[in-house]
Amino acid sequence: MDHLPENDIPMLVSAINFLLRDEMFNNLDEICYHYNVDRKELEKKLADNGYRYDGKQNRIW
């Protein structure tokens, strides 16, 4: 994956959860660093659409 699908929220959630589950990323910070995405902006975009990152379960809900 070359970039995160930031304009399609359901695809973004799916992509992040896939990367956390099946790829080399251990947490949301690593994904944001790799894809050069501001974590606060990403979390705001997710929250505005009813999603949040759960660090304990390491996934977007």
PDB file of N, CA and C in Angstrom:
ATOM      1  N   MET A   1       0.852  -1.166   0.000  1.00  0.00           N
ATOM      2  CA  MET A   1       0.000   0.000   0.000  1.00  0.00           C
ATOM      3  C   MET A   1       0.901   1.234   0.000  1.00  0.00           C
ATOM      4  N   ASP A   2       0.689   2.112  -0.957  1.00  0.00           N
ATOM      5  CA  ASP A   2       1.514   3.312  -1.098  1.00  0.00           C
ATOM      6  C   ASP A   2       1.060   4.468  -0.220  1.00  0.00           C
ATOM      7  N   HIS A   3      -0.231   4.508   0.071  1.00  0.00           N
ATOM      8  CA  HIS A   3      -0.784   5.591   0.884  1.00  0.00           C
ATOM      9  C   HIS A   3      -2.058   5.104   1.566  1.00  0.00           C
ATOM     10  N   LEU A   4      -2.499   5.838   2.552  1.00  0.00           N
ATOM     11  CA  LEU A   4      -3.751   5.514   3.226  1.00  0.00           C
ATOM     12  C   LEU A   4      -4.907   6.147   2.465  1.00  0.00           C
ATOM     13  N   PRO A   5      -6.021   5.436   2.340  1.00  0.00           N
ATOM     14  CA  PRO A   5      -7.192   5.988   1.631  1.00  0.00           C
ATOM     15  C   PRO A   5      -7.952   6.970   2.523  1.00  0.00           C
ATOM     16  N   GLU A   6      -7.374   8.137   2.733  1.00  0.00           N
ATOM     17  CA  GLU A   6      -7.911   9.091   3.710  1.00  0.00           C
ATOM     18  C   GLU A   6      -9.253   9.701   3.337  1.00  0.00           C
ATOM     19  N   ASN A   7      -9.651   9.648   2.086  1.00  0.00           N
ATOM     20  CA  ASN A   7     -10.914  10.259   1.667  1.00  0.00           C
ATOM     21  C   ASN A   7     -12.090   9.298   1.708  1.00  0.00           C
ATOM     22  N   ASP A   8     -11.830   8.040   2.013  1.00  0.00           N
ATOM     23  CA  ASP A   8     -12.878   7.022   2.113  1.00  0.00           C
ATOM     24  C   ASP A   8     -12.769   6.409   3.504  1.00  0.00           C
ATOM     25  N   ILE A   9     -13.565   6.920   4.438  1.00  0.00           N
ATOM     26  CA  ILE A   9     -13.422   6.552   5.846  1.00  0.00           C
ATOM     27  C   ILE A   9     -13.567   5.048   6.097  1.00  0.00           C
ATOM     28  N   PRO A  10     -14.567   4.361   5.566  1.00  0.00           N
ATOM     29  CA  PRO A  10     -14.637   2.916   5.810  1.00  0.00           C
ATOM     30  C   PRO A  10     -13.393   2.174   5.282  1.00  0.00           C
ATOM     31  N   MET A  11     -12.882   2.589   4.146  1.00  0.00           N
ATOM     32  CA  MET A  11     -11.664   1.968   3.607  1.00  0.00           C
ATOM     33  C   MET A  11     -10.458   2.324   4.471  1.00  0.00           C
ATOM     34  N   LEU A  12     -10.418   3.533   4.999  1.00  0.00           N
ATOM     35  CA  LEU A  12      -9.333   3.960   5.878  1.00  0.00           C
ATOM     36  C   LEU A  12      -9.311   3.104   7.140  1.00  0.00           C
ATOM     37  N   VAL A  13     -10.458   2.928   7.753  1.00  0.00           N
ATOM     38  CA  VAL A  13     -10.557   2.102   8.965  1.00  0.00           C
ATOM     39  C   VAL A  13     -10.113   0.681   8.654  1.00  0.00           C
ATOM     40  N   SER A  14     -10.596   0.140   7.563  1.00  0.00           N
ATOM     41  CA  SER A  14     -10.234  -1.213   7.160  1.00  0.00           C
ATOM     42  C   SER A  14      -8.731  -1.332   6.909  1.00  0.00           C
ATOM     43  N   ALA A  15      -8.166  -0.359   6.209  1.00  0.00           N
ATOM     44  CA  ALA A  15      -6.739  -0.388   5.889  1.00  0.00           C
ATOM     45  C   ALA A  15      -5.889  -0.321   7.156  1.00  0.00           C
ATOM     46  N   ILE A  16      -6.242   0.570   8.070  1.00  0.00           N
ATOM     47  CA  ILE A  16      -5.467   0.694   9.310  1.00  0.00           C
ATOM     48  C   ILE A  16      -5.558  -0.585  10.123  1.00  0.00           C
ATOM     49  N   ASN A  17      -6.757  -1.132  10.263  1.00  0.00           N
ATOM     50  CA  ASN A  17      -6.901  -2.370  11.018  1.00  0.00           C
ATOM     51  C   ASN A  17      -6.132  -3.515  10.357  1.00  0.00           C
ATOM     52  N   PHE A  18      -6.122  -3.566   9.047  1.00  0.00           N
ATOM     53  CA  PHE A  18      -5.342  -4.576   8.325  1.00  0.00           C
ATOM     54  C   PHE A  18      -3.855  -4.400   8.632  1.00  0.00           C
ATOM     55  N   LEU A  19      -3.374  -3.165   8.544  1.00  0.00           N
ATOM     56  CA  LEU A  19      -1.955  -2.908   8.788  1.00  0.00           C
ATOM     57  C   LEU A  19      -1.562  -3.265  10.224  1.00  0.00           C
ATOM     58  N   LEU A  20      -2.436  -2.989  11.163  1.00  0.00           N
ATOM     59  CA  LEU A  20      -2.150  -3.326  12.559  1.00  0.00           C
ATOM     60  C   LEU A  20      -2.184  -4.834  12.803  1.00  0.00           C
ATOM     61  N   ARG A  21      -3.057  -5.517  12.116  1.00  0.00           N
ATOM     62  CA  ARG A  21      -3.242  -6.948  12.333  1.00  0.00           C
ATOM     63  C   ARG A  21      -2.250  -7.791  11.546  1.00  0.00           C
ATOM     64  N   ASP A  22      -2.040  -7.448  10.282  1.00  0.00           N
ATOM     65  CA  ASP A  22      -1.322  -8.346   9.384  1.00  0.00           C
ATOM     66  C   ASP A  22       0.027  -7.852   8.883  1.00  0.00           C
ATOM     67  N   GLU A  23       0.360  -6.624   9.154  1.00  0.00           N
ATOM     68  CA  GLU A  23       1.598  -6.075   8.609  1.00  0.00           C
ATOM     69  C   GLU A  23       2.617  -5.809   9.716  1.00  0.00           C
ATOM     70  N   MET A  24       3.617  -5.057   9.396  1.00  0.00           N
ATOM     71  CA  MET A  24       4.752  -4.856  10.296  1.00  0.00           C
ATOM     72  C   MET A  24       4.556  -3.733  11.316  1.00  0.00           C
ATOM     73  N   PHE A  25       3.370  -3.189  11.431  1.00  0.00           N
ATOM     74  CA  PHE A  25       3.148  -2.055  12.317  1.00  0.00           C
ATOM     75  C   PHE A  25       2.585  -2.517  13.655  1.00  0.00           C
ATOM     76  N   ASN A  26       3.176  -2.007  14.736  1.00  0.00           N
ATOM     77  CA  ASN A  26       2.744  -2.398  16.076  1.00  0.00           C
ATOM     78  C   ASN A  26       1.706  -1.468  16.678  1.00  0.00           C
ATOM     79  N   ASN A  27       1.583  -0.260  16.122  1.00  0.00           N
ATOM     80  CA  ASN A  27       0.633   0.696  16.680  1.00  0.00           C
ATOM     81  C   ASN A  27       0.352   1.804  15.672  1.00  0.00           C
ATOM     82  N   LEU A  28      -0.579   2.672  16.024  1.00  0.00           N
ATOM     83  CA  LEU A  28      -0.996   3.748  15.124  1.00  0.00           C
ATOM     84  C   LEU A  28       0.135   4.753  14.881  1.00  0.00           C
ATOM     85  N   ASP A  29       0.975   4.977  15.874  1.00  0.00           N
ATOM     86  CA  ASP A  29       2.101   5.900  15.689  1.00  0.00           C
ATOM     87  C   ASP A  29       3.019   5.436  14.560  1.00  0.00           C
ATOM     88  N   GLU A  30       3.301   4.153  14.499  1.00  0.00           N
ATOM     89  CA  GLU A  30       4.174   3.620  13.449  1.00  0.00           C
ATOM     90  C   GLU A  30       3.552   3.787  12.065  1.00  0.00           C
ATOM     91  N   ILE A  31       2.251   3.598  11.966  1.00  0.00           N
ATOM     92  CA  ILE A  31       1.557   3.773  10.686  1.00  0.00           C
ATOM     93  C   ILE A  31       1.621   5.233  10.261  1.00  0.00           C
ATOM     94  N   CYS A  32       1.337   6.131  11.197  1.00  0.00           N
ATOM     95  CA  CYS A  32       1.362   7.561  10.876  1.00  0.00           C
ATOM     96  C   CYS A  32       2.761   7.991  10.438  1.00  0.00           C
ATOM     97  N   TYR A  33       3.775   7.501  11.108  1.00  0.00           N
ATOM     98  CA  TYR A  33       5.144   7.841  10.734  1.00  0.00           C
ATOM     99  C   TYR A  33       5.470   7.320   9.329  1.00  0.00           C
ATOM    100  N   HIS A  34       5.136   6.075   9.084  1.00  0.00           N
ATOM    101  CA  HIS A  34       5.447   5.455   7.793  1.00  0.00           C
ATOM    102  C   HIS A  34       4.754   6.163   6.629  1.00  0.00           C
ATOM    103  N   TYR A  35       3.496   6.523   6.819  1.00  0.00           N
ATOM    104  CA  TYR A  35       2.711   7.150   5.751  1.00  0.00           C
ATOM    105  C   TYR A  35       2.723   8.675   5.820  1.00  0.00           C
ATOM    106  N   ASN A  36       3.528   9.231   6.735  1.00  0.00           N
ATOM    107  CA  ASN A  36       3.671  10.676   6.874  1.00  0.00           C
ATOM    108  C   ASN A  36       2.316  11.365   7.077  1.00  0.00           C
ATOM    109  N   VAL A  37       1.578  10.856   8.057  1.00  0.00           N
ATOM    110  CA  VAL A  37       0.243  11.369   8.383  1.00  0.00           C
ATOM    111  C   VAL A  37       0.274  11.898   9.811  1.00  0.00           C
ATOM    112  N   ASP A  38      -0.323  13.056  10.045  1.00  0.00           N
ATOM    113  CA  ASP A  38      -0.407  13.616  11.384  1.00  0.00           C
ATOM    114  C   ASP A  38      -1.436  12.819  12.184  1.00  0.00           C
ATOM    115  N   ARG A  39      -0.987  12.227  13.282  1.00  0.00           N
ATOM    116  CA  ARG A  39      -1.870  11.361  14.067  1.00  0.00           C
ATOM    117  C   ARG A  39      -3.080  12.117  14.615  1.00  0.00           C
ATOM    118  N   LYS A  40      -2.884  13.324  15.118  1.00  0.00           N
ATOM    119  CA  LYS A  40      -4.012  14.092  15.677  1.00  0.00           C
ATOM    120  C   LYS A  40      -5.057  14.372  14.607  1.00  0.00           C
ATOM    121  N   GLU A  41      -4.619  14.728  13.411  1.00  0.00           N
ATOM    122  CA  GLU A  41      -5.556  14.984  12.314  1.00  0.00           C
ATOM    123  C   GLU A  41      -6.276  13.702  11.908  1.00  0.00           C
ATOM    124  N   LEU A  42      -5.537  12.610  11.863  1.00  0.00           N
ATOM    125  CA  LEU A  42      -6.141  11.319  11.510  1.00  0.00           C
ATOM    126  C   LEU A  42      -7.189  10.915  12.551  1.00  0.00           C
ATOM    127  N   GLU A  43      -6.846  11.034  13.827  1.00  0.00           N
ATOM    128  CA  GLU A  43      -7.792  10.661  14.873  1.00  0.00           C
ATOM    129  C   GLU A  43      -9.011  11.575  14.882  1.00  0.00           C
ATOM    130  N   LYS A  44      -8.826  12.848  14.558  1.00  0.00           N
ATOM    131  CA  LYS A  44      -9.973  13.761  14.472  1.00  0.00           C
ATOM    132  C   LYS A  44     -10.889  13.354  13.318  1.00  0.00           C
ATOM    133  N   LYS A  45     -10.298  13.041  12.178  1.00  0.00           N
ATOM    134  CA  LYS A  45     -11.088  12.608  11.019  1.00  0.00           C
ATOM    135  C   LYS A  45     -11.864  11.335  11.362  1.00  0.00           C
ATOM    136  N   LEU A  46     -11.216  10.407  12.041  1.00  0.00           N
ATOM    137  CA  LEU A  46     -11.893   9.179  12.445  1.00  0.00           C
ATOM    138  C   LEU A  46     -13.017   9.487  13.441  1.00  0.00           C
ATOM    139  N   ALA A  47     -12.733  10.319  14.440  1.00  0.00           N
ATOM    140  CA  ALA A  47     -13.733  10.665  15.462  1.00  0.00           C
ATOM    141  C   ALA A  47     -14.928  11.380  14.849  1.00  0.00           C
ATOM    142  N   ASP A  48     -14.666  12.261  13.883  1.00  0.00           N
ATOM    143  CA  ASP A  48     -15.758  12.973  13.212  1.00  0.00           C
ATOM    144  C   ASP A  48     -16.695  12.018  12.483  1.00  0.00           C
ATOM    145  N   ASN A  49     -16.201  10.814  12.210  1.00  0.00           N
ATOM    146  CA  ASN A  49     -17.007   9.818  11.510  1.00  0.00           C
ATOM    147  C   ASN A  49     -17.398   8.647  12.407  1.00  0.00           C
ATOM    148  N   GLY A  50     -17.247   8.837  13.723  1.00  0.00           N
ATOM    149  CA  GLY A  50     -17.734   7.846  14.681  1.00  0.00           C
ATOM    150  C   GLY A  50     -16.766   6.727  15.020  1.00  0.00           C
ATOM    151  N   TYR A  51     -15.489   6.889  14.695  1.00  0.00           N
ATOM    152  CA  TYR A  51     -14.500   5.860  14.978  1.00  0.00           C
ATOM    153  C   TYR A  51     -13.459   6.383  15.957  1.00  0.00           C
ATOM    154  N   ARG A  52     -12.801   5.438  16.643  1.00  0.00           N
ATOM    155  CA  ARG A  52     -11.702   5.823  17.523  1.00  0.00           C
ATOM    156  C   ARG A  52     -10.672   4.699  17.552  1.00  0.00           C
ATOM    157  N   TYR A  53      -9.452   5.071  17.866  1.00  0.00           N
ATOM    158  CA  TYR A  53      -8.381   4.098  18.003  1.00  0.00           C
ATOM    159  C   TYR A  53      -8.338   3.627  19.444  1.00  0.00           C
ATOM    160  N   ASP A  54      -8.345   2.323  19.654  1.00  0.00           N
ATOM    161  CA  ASP A  54      -8.233   1.727  20.970  1.00  0.00           C
ATOM    162  C   ASP A  54      -6.830   1.135  21.074  1.00  0.00           C
ATOM    163  N   GLY A  55      -5.963   1.797  21.823  1.00  0.00           N
ATOM    164  CA  GLY A  55      -4.586   1.358  21.945  1.00  0.00           C
ATOM    165  C   GLY A  55      -4.429   0.024  22.652  1.00  0.00           C
ATOM    166  N   LYS A  56      -5.353  -0.259  23.569  1.00  0.00           N
ATOM    167  CA  LYS A  56      -5.298  -1.534  24.295  1.00  0.00           C
ATOM    168  C   LYS A  56      -5.561  -2.710  23.354  1.00  0.00           C
ATOM    169  N   GLN A  57      -6.559  -2.549  22.506  1.00  0.00           N
ATOM    170  CA  GLN A  57      -6.883  -3.609  21.551  1.00  0.00           C
ATOM    171  C   GLN A  57      -6.164  -3.415  20.224  1.00  0.00           C
ATOM    172  N   ASN A  58      -5.512  -2.275  20.091  1.00  0.00           N
ATOM    173  CA  ASN A  58      -4.729  -1.931  18.904  1.00  0.00           C
ATOM    174  C   ASN A  58      -5.537  -2.049  17.626  1.00  0.00           C
ATOM    175  N   ARG A  59      -6.660  -1.350  17.621  1.00  0.00           N
ATOM    176  CA  ARG A  59      -7.510  -1.317  16.426  1.00  0.00           C
ATOM    177  C   ARG A  59      -8.432  -0.118  16.431  1.00  0.00           C
ATOM    178  N   ILE A  60      -8.982   0.164  15.279  1.00  0.00           N
ATOM    179  CA  ILE A  60      -9.967   1.236  15.129  1.00  0.00           C
ATOM    180  C   ILE A  60     -11.351   0.620  15.306  1.00  0.00           C
ATOM    181  N   TRP A  61     -12.181   1.280  16.102  1.00  0.00           N
ATOM    182  CA  TRP A  61     -13.569   0.824  16.326  1.00  0.00           C
ATOM    183  C   TRP A  61     -14.514   1.830  15.740  1.00  0.00           C
TER     184      TRP A  61
END
